[in-house]
Amino acid sequence: MRVAQFIWRQDGVVTVDWVVLLGALTVAGLLVLSMMTGSLGDHSTTVASELQDPHFNTTWTLPAESD
């Protein structure tokens, strides 16, 4: 099949559309992933350190009253 025949035939147009669409979605997904990698790592480190801390400290808890 010649290139000119492929261009003018309608059989491969849908396939080309899907390839372009999925390629664009893949690139967009990779860009979002690369932008979020640093902040996700920071947040997961913070959550891990809070879960491993044996003390539950908040600003809304009242100190225990001593008698």
PDB file of N, CA and C in Angstrom:
ATOM      1  N   MET A   1       0.851  -1.172   0.000  1.00  0.00           N
ATOM      2  CA  MET A   1       0.000   0.000   0.000  1.00  0.00           C
ATOM      3  C   MET A   1       0.900   1.240   0.000  1.00  0.00           C
ATOM      4  N   ARG A   2       0.585   2.146  -0.839  1.00  0.00           N
ATOM      5  CA  ARG A   2       1.337   3.390  -0.897  1.00  0.00           C
ATOM      6  C   ARG A   2       0.898   4.338   0.201  1.00  0.00           C
ATOM      7  N   VAL A   3       1.742   5.299   0.488  1.00  0.00           N
ATOM      8  CA  VAL A   3       1.435   6.291   1.508  1.00  0.00           C
ATOM      9  C   VAL A   3       0.241   7.134   1.081  1.00  0.00           C
ATOM     10  N   ALA A   4       0.163   7.495  -0.190  1.00  0.00           N
ATOM     11  CA  ALA A   4      -0.951   8.318  -0.680  1.00  0.00           C
ATOM     12  C   ALA A   4      -2.274   7.562  -0.545  1.00  0.00           C
ATOM     13  N   GLN A   5      -2.260   6.272  -0.838  1.00  0.00           N
ATOM     14  CA  GLN A   5      -3.480   5.479  -0.682  1.00  0.00           C
ATOM     15  C   GLN A   5      -3.880   5.397   0.786  1.00  0.00           C
ATOM     16  N   PHE A   6      -2.909   5.241   1.666  1.00  0.00           N
ATOM     17  CA  PHE A   6      -3.208   5.174   3.088  1.00  0.00           C
ATOM     18  C   PHE A   6      -3.820   6.480   3.580  1.00  0.00           C
ATOM     19  N   ILE A   7      -3.300   7.600   3.108  1.00  0.00           N
ATOM     20  CA  ILE A   7      -3.811   8.906   3.534  1.00  0.00           C
ATOM     21  C   ILE A   7      -5.244   9.113   3.067  1.00  0.00           C
ATOM     22  N   TRP A   8      -5.553   8.723   1.847  1.00  0.00           N
ATOM     23  CA  TRP A   8      -6.898   8.996   1.308  1.00  0.00           C
ATOM     24  C   TRP A   8      -7.933   7.964   1.716  1.00  0.00           C
ATOM     25  N   ARG A   9      -7.510   6.792   2.123  1.00  0.00           N
ATOM     26  CA  ARG A   9      -8.481   5.789   2.563  1.00  0.00           C
ATOM     27  C   ARG A   9      -8.954   6.128   3.964  1.00  0.00           C
ATOM     28  N   GLN A  10     -10.146   5.750   4.306  1.00  0.00           N
ATOM     29  CA  GLN A  10     -10.731   6.054   5.607  1.00  0.00           C
ATOM     30  C   GLN A  10     -10.547   4.912   6.613  1.00  0.00           C
ATOM     31  N   ASP A  11      -9.967   3.811   6.205  1.00  0.00           N
ATOM     32  CA  ASP A  11      -9.817   2.656   7.101  1.00  0.00           C
ATOM     33  C   ASP A  11      -8.904   2.943   8.287  1.00  0.00           C
ATOM     34  N   GLY A  12      -7.819   3.642   8.069  1.00  0.00           N
ATOM     35  CA  GLY A  12      -6.845   3.854   9.126  1.00  0.00           C
ATOM     36  C   GLY A  12      -7.012   5.150   9.888  1.00  0.00           C
ATOM     37  N   VAL A  13      -7.997   5.958   9.507  1.00  0.00           N
ATOM     38  CA  VAL A  13      -8.161   7.260  10.138  1.00  0.00           C
ATOM     39  C   VAL A  13      -8.531   7.121  11.613  1.00  0.00           C
ATOM     40  N   VAL A  14      -9.428   6.206  11.922  1.00  0.00           N
ATOM     41  CA  VAL A  14      -9.853   6.021  13.304  1.00  0.00           C
ATOM     42  C   VAL A  14      -8.687   5.512  14.145  1.00  0.00           C
ATOM     43  N   THR A  15      -7.898   4.630  13.589  1.00  0.00           N
ATOM     44  CA  THR A  15      -6.743   4.110  14.303  1.00  0.00           C
ATOM     45  C   THR A  15      -5.748   5.222  14.603  1.00  0.00           C
ATOM     46  N   VAL A  16      -5.494   6.071  13.627  1.00  0.00           N
ATOM     47  CA  VAL A  16      -4.578   7.188  13.834  1.00  0.00           C
ATOM     48  C   VAL A  16      -5.131   8.130  14.895  1.00  0.00           C
ATOM     49  N   ASP A  17      -6.432   8.395  14.870  1.00  0.00           N
ATOM     50  CA  ASP A  17      -7.049   9.254  15.884  1.00  0.00           C
ATOM     51  C   ASP A  17      -6.849   8.688  17.282  1.00  0.00           C
ATOM     52  N   TRP A  18      -7.071   7.385  17.447  1.00  0.00           N
ATOM     53  CA  TRP A  18      -6.912   6.769  18.755  1.00  0.00           C
ATOM     54  C   TRP A  18      -5.458   6.787  19.211  1.00  0.00           C
ATOM     55  N   VAL A  19      -4.549   6.572  18.297  1.00  0.00           N
ATOM     56  CA  VAL A  19      -3.124   6.592  18.655  1.00  0.00           C
ATOM     57  C   VAL A  19      -2.721   7.981  19.120  1.00  0.00           C
ATOM     58  N   VAL A  20      -3.160   9.019  18.408  1.00  0.00           N
ATOM     59  CA  VAL A  20      -2.836  10.390  18.792  1.00  0.00           C
ATOM     60  C   VAL A  20      -3.480  10.732  20.129  1.00  0.00           C
ATOM     61  N   LEU A  21      -4.746  10.360  20.327  1.00  0.00           N
ATOM     62  CA  LEU A  21      -5.447  10.641  21.570  1.00  0.00           C
ATOM     63  C   LEU A  21      -4.785   9.945  22.762  1.00  0.00           C
ATOM     64  N   LEU A  22      -4.486   8.679  22.633  1.00  0.00           N
ATOM     65  CA  LEU A  22      -3.864   7.947  23.731  1.00  0.00           C
ATOM     66  C   LEU A  22      -2.429   8.413  23.983  1.00  0.00           C
ATOM     67  N   GLY A  23      -1.733   8.813  22.940  1.00  0.00           N
ATOM     68  CA  GLY A  23      -0.396   9.370  23.121  1.00  0.00           C
ATOM     69  C   GLY A  23      -0.443  10.676  23.899  1.00  0.00           C
ATOM     70  N   ALA A  24      -1.423  11.534  23.578  1.00  0.00           N
ATOM     71  CA  ALA A  24      -1.569  12.798  24.295  1.00  0.00           C
ATOM     72  C   ALA A  24      -1.954  12.562  25.754  1.00  0.00           C
ATOM     73  N   LEU A  25      -2.831  11.606  26.014  1.00  0.00           N
ATOM     74  CA  LEU A  25      -3.216  11.294  27.390  1.00  0.00           C
ATOM     75  C   LEU A  25      -2.041  10.717  28.180  1.00  0.00           C
ATOM     76  N   THR A  26      -1.235   9.917  27.536  1.00  0.00           N
ATOM     77  CA  THR A  26      -0.065   9.358  28.204  1.00  0.00           C
ATOM     78  C   THR A  26       0.920  10.456  28.581  1.00  0.00           C
ATOM     79  N   VAL A  27       1.169  11.374  27.664  1.00  0.00           N
ATOM     80  CA  VAL A  27       2.080  12.486  27.949  1.00  0.00           C
ATOM     81  C   VAL A  27       1.522  13.360  29.070  1.00  0.00           C
ATOM     82  N   ALA A  28       0.211  13.638  29.034  1.00  0.00           N
ATOM     83  CA  ALA A  28      -0.403  14.448  30.092  1.00  0.00           C
ATOM     84  C   ALA A  28      -0.289  13.743  31.442  1.00  0.00           C
ATOM     85  N   GLY A  29      -0.516  12.454  31.478  1.00  0.00           N
ATOM     86  CA  GLY A  29      -0.389  11.696  32.722  1.00  0.00           C
ATOM     87  C   GLY A  29       1.026  11.703  33.261  1.00  0.00           C
ATOM     88  N   LEU A  30       2.004  11.559  32.389  1.00  0.00           N
ATOM     89  CA  LEU A  30       3.396  11.593  32.815  1.00  0.00           C
ATOM     90  C   LEU A  30       3.789  12.975  33.334  1.00  0.00           C
ATOM     91  N   LEU A  31       3.279  14.024  32.716  1.00  0.00           N
ATOM     92  CA  LEU A  31       3.565  15.378  33.194  1.00  0.00           C
ATOM     93  C   LEU A  31       2.978  15.607  34.580  1.00  0.00           C
ATOM     94  N   VAL A  32       1.745  15.170  34.786  1.00  0.00           N
ATOM     95  CA  VAL A  32       1.123  15.329  36.103  1.00  0.00           C
ATOM     96  C   VAL A  32       1.882  14.517  37.148  1.00  0.00           C
ATOM     97  N   LEU A  33       2.264  13.314  36.795  1.00  0.00           N
ATOM     98  CA  LEU A  33       3.015  12.470  37.718  1.00  0.00           C
ATOM     99  C   LEU A  33       4.359  13.095  38.079  1.00  0.00           C
ATOM    100  N   SER A  34       5.033  13.658  37.102  1.00  0.00           N
ATOM    101  CA  SER A  34       6.336  14.259  37.383  1.00  0.00           C
ATOM    102  C   SER A  34       6.197  15.515  38.240  1.00  0.00           C
ATOM    103  N   MET A  35       5.108  16.250  38.098  1.00  0.00           N
ATOM    104  CA  MET A  35       4.902  17.441  38.918  1.00  0.00           C
ATOM    105  C   MET A  35       4.554  17.087  40.359  1.00  0.00           C
ATOM    106  N   MET A  36       3.879  15.969  40.569  1.00  0.00           N
ATOM    107  CA  MET A  36       3.410  15.609  41.898  1.00  0.00           C
ATOM    108  C   MET A  36       4.370  14.709  42.666  1.00  0.00           C
ATOM    109  N   THR A  37       5.389  14.198  42.040  1.00  0.00           N
ATOM    110  CA  THR A  37       6.274  13.240  42.689  1.00  0.00           C
ATOM    111  C   THR A  37       6.936  13.839  43.929  1.00  0.00           C
ATOM    112  N   GLY A  38       7.435  15.047  43.842  1.00  0.00           N
ATOM    113  CA  GLY A  38       8.108  15.671  44.978  1.00  0.00           C
ATOM    114  C   GLY A  38       7.177  15.920  46.142  1.00  0.00           C
ATOM    115  N   SER A  39       6.017  16.492  45.874  1.00  0.00           N
ATOM    116  CA  SER A  39       5.097  16.811  46.965  1.00  0.00           C
ATOM    117  C   SER A  39       4.503  15.554  47.584  1.00  0.00           C
ATOM    118  N   LEU A  40       4.258  14.527  46.789  1.00  0.00           N
ATOM    119  CA  LEU A  40       3.752  13.269  47.348  1.00  0.00           C
ATOM    120  C   LEU A  40       4.791  12.629  48.263  1.00  0.00           C
ATOM    121  N   GLY A  41       6.047  12.724  47.885  1.00  0.00           N
ATOM    122  CA  GLY A  41       7.105  12.189  48.741  1.00  0.00           C
ATOM    123  C   GLY A  41       7.189  12.936  50.058  1.00  0.00           C
ATOM    124  N   ASP A  42       7.049  14.267  50.010  1.00  0.00           N
ATOM    125  CA  ASP A  42       7.074  15.066  51.234  1.00  0.00           C
ATOM    126  C   ASP A  42       5.902  14.716  52.144  1.00  0.00           C
ATOM    127  N   HIS A  43       4.718  14.606  51.558  1.00  0.00           N
ATOM    128  CA  HIS A  43       3.531  14.289  52.357  1.00  0.00           C
ATOM    129  C   HIS A  43       3.611  12.880  52.949  1.00  0.00           C
ATOM    130  N   SER A  44       4.087  11.930  52.178  1.00  0.00           N
ATOM    131  CA  SER A  44       4.181  10.564  52.709  1.00  0.00           C
ATOM    132  C   SER A  44       5.213  10.485  53.831  1.00  0.00           C
ATOM    133  N   THR A  45       6.285  11.257  53.736  1.00  0.00           N
ATOM    134  CA  THR A  45       7.272  11.295  54.817  1.00  0.00           C
ATOM    135  C   THR A  45       6.658  11.901  56.072  1.00  0.00           C
ATOM    136  N   THR A  46       5.882  12.957  55.921  1.00  0.00           N
ATOM    137  CA  THR A  46       5.227  13.593  57.061  1.00  0.00           C
ATOM    138  C   THR A  46       4.240  12.640  57.715  1.00  0.00           C
ATOM    139  N   VAL A  47       3.437  11.963  56.907  1.00  0.00           N
ATOM    140  CA  VAL A  47       2.454  11.016  57.454  1.00  0.00           C
ATOM    141  C   VAL A  47       3.167   9.870  58.161  1.00  0.00           C
ATOM    142  N   ALA A  48       4.229   9.364  57.573  1.00  0.00           N
ATOM    143  CA  ALA A  48       4.963   8.257  58.201  1.00  0.00           C
ATOM    144  C   ALA A  48       5.555   8.680  59.534  1.00  0.00           C
ATOM    145  N   SER A  49       6.111   9.886  59.605  1.00  0.00           N
ATOM    146  CA  SER A  49       6.693  10.326  60.876  1.00  0.00           C
ATOM    147  C   SER A  49       5.616  10.567  61.929  1.00  0.00           C
ATOM    148  N   GLU A  50       4.454  11.055  61.532  1.00  0.00           N
ATOM    149  CA  GLU A  50       3.355  11.238  62.487  1.00  0.00           C
ATOM    150  C   GLU A  50       2.826   9.899  62.997  1.00  0.00           C
ATOM    151  N   LEU A  51       2.750   8.908  62.130  1.00  0.00           N
ATOM    152  CA  LEU A  51       2.258   7.596  62.551  1.00  0.00           C
ATOM    153  C   LEU A  51       3.256   6.877  63.455  1.00  0.00           C
ATOM    154  N   GLN A  52       4.530   7.119  63.273  1.00  0.00           N
ATOM    155  CA  GLN A  52       5.542   6.451  64.080  1.00  0.00           C
ATOM    156  C   GLN A  52       5.795   7.161  65.406  1.00  0.00           C
ATOM    157  N   ASP A  53       5.325   8.387  65.547  1.00  0.00           N
ATOM    158  CA  ASP A  53       5.505   9.141  66.786  1.00  0.00           C
ATOM    159  C   ASP A  53       4.580   8.567  67.862  1.00  0.00           C
ATOM    160  N   PRO A  54       5.103   8.209  69.030  1.00  0.00           N
ATOM    161  CA  PRO A  54       4.256   7.594  70.056  1.00  0.00           C
ATOM    162  C   PRO A  54       3.345   8.586  70.768  1.00  0.00           C
ATOM    163  N   HIS A  55       3.542   9.862  70.576  1.00  0.00           N
ATOM    164  CA  HIS A  55       2.739  10.868  71.269  1.00  0.00           C
ATOM    165  C   HIS A  55       1.764  11.512  70.298  1.00  0.00           C
ATOM    166  N   PHE A  56       0.559  11.770  70.793  1.00  0.00           N
ATOM    167  CA  PHE A  56      -0.465  12.432  69.997  1.00  0.00           C
ATOM    168  C   PHE A  56      -0.559  13.872  70.471  1.00  0.00           C
ATOM    169  N   ASN A  57       0.062  14.770  69.760  1.00  0.00           N
ATOM    170  CA  ASN A  57       0.090  16.169  70.159  1.00  0.00           C
ATOM    171  C   ASN A  57      -0.783  16.989  69.218  1.00  0.00           C
ATOM    172  N   THR A  58      -1.691  17.738  69.793  1.00  0.00           N
ATOM    173  CA  THR A  58      -2.505  18.657  69.008  1.00  0.00           C
ATOM    174  C   THR A  58      -2.628  19.959  69.763  1.00  0.00           C
ATOM    175  N   THR A  59      -3.087  20.963  69.106  1.00  0.00           N
ATOM    176  CA  THR A  59      -3.285  22.253  69.763  1.00  0.00           C
ATOM    177  C   THR A  59      -4.644  22.324  70.444  1.00  0.00           C
ATOM    178  N   TRP A  60      -5.539  21.407  70.160  1.00  0.00           N
ATOM    179  CA  TRP A  60      -6.877  21.477  70.726  1.00  0.00           C
ATOM    180  C   TRP A  60      -7.067  20.620  71.966  1.00  0.00           C
ATOM    181  N   THR A  61      -6.051  19.865  72.361  1.00  0.00           N
ATOM    182  CA  THR A  61      -6.193  19.078  73.595  1.00  0.00           C
ATOM    183  C   THR A  61      -5.788  19.938  74.787  1.00  0.00           C
ATOM    184  N   LEU A  62      -6.493  19.766  75.878  1.00  0.00           N
ATOM    185  CA  LEU A  62      -6.206  20.519  77.090  1.00  0.00           C
ATOM    186  C   LEU A  62      -5.219  19.747  77.952  1.00  0.00           C
ATOM    187  N   PRO A  63      -4.348  20.439  78.612  1.00  0.00           N
ATOM    188  CA  PRO A  63      -3.428  19.726  79.506  1.00  0.00           C
ATOM    189  C   PRO A  63      -4.193  19.121  80.685  1.00  0.00           C
ATOM    190  N   ALA A  64      -3.689  18.039  81.184  1.00  0.00           N
ATOM    191  CA  ALA A  64      -4.348  17.372  82.319  1.00  0.00           C
ATOM    192  C   ALA A  64      -4.227  18.240  83.565  1.00  0.00           C
ATOM    193  N   GLU A  65      -5.299  18.323  84.312  1.00  0.00           N
ATOM    194  CA  GLU A  65      -5.289  19.114  85.547  1.00  0.00           C
ATOM    195  C   GLU A  65      -4.617  18.311  86.636  1.00  0.00           C
ATOM    196  N   SER A  66      -3.711  18.967  87.327  1.00  0.00           N
ATOM    197  CA  SER A  66      -3.046  18.282  88.438  1.00  0.00           C
ATOM    198  C   SER A  66      -3.723  18.697  89.744  1.00  0.00           C
ATOM    199  N   ASP A  67      -3.921  17.725  90.611  1.00  0.00           N
ATOM    200  CA  ASP A  67      -4.585  17.996  91.902  1.00  0.00           C
ATOM    201  C   ASP A  67      -3.610  18.340  92.972  1.00  0.00           C
TER     202      ASP A  67
END
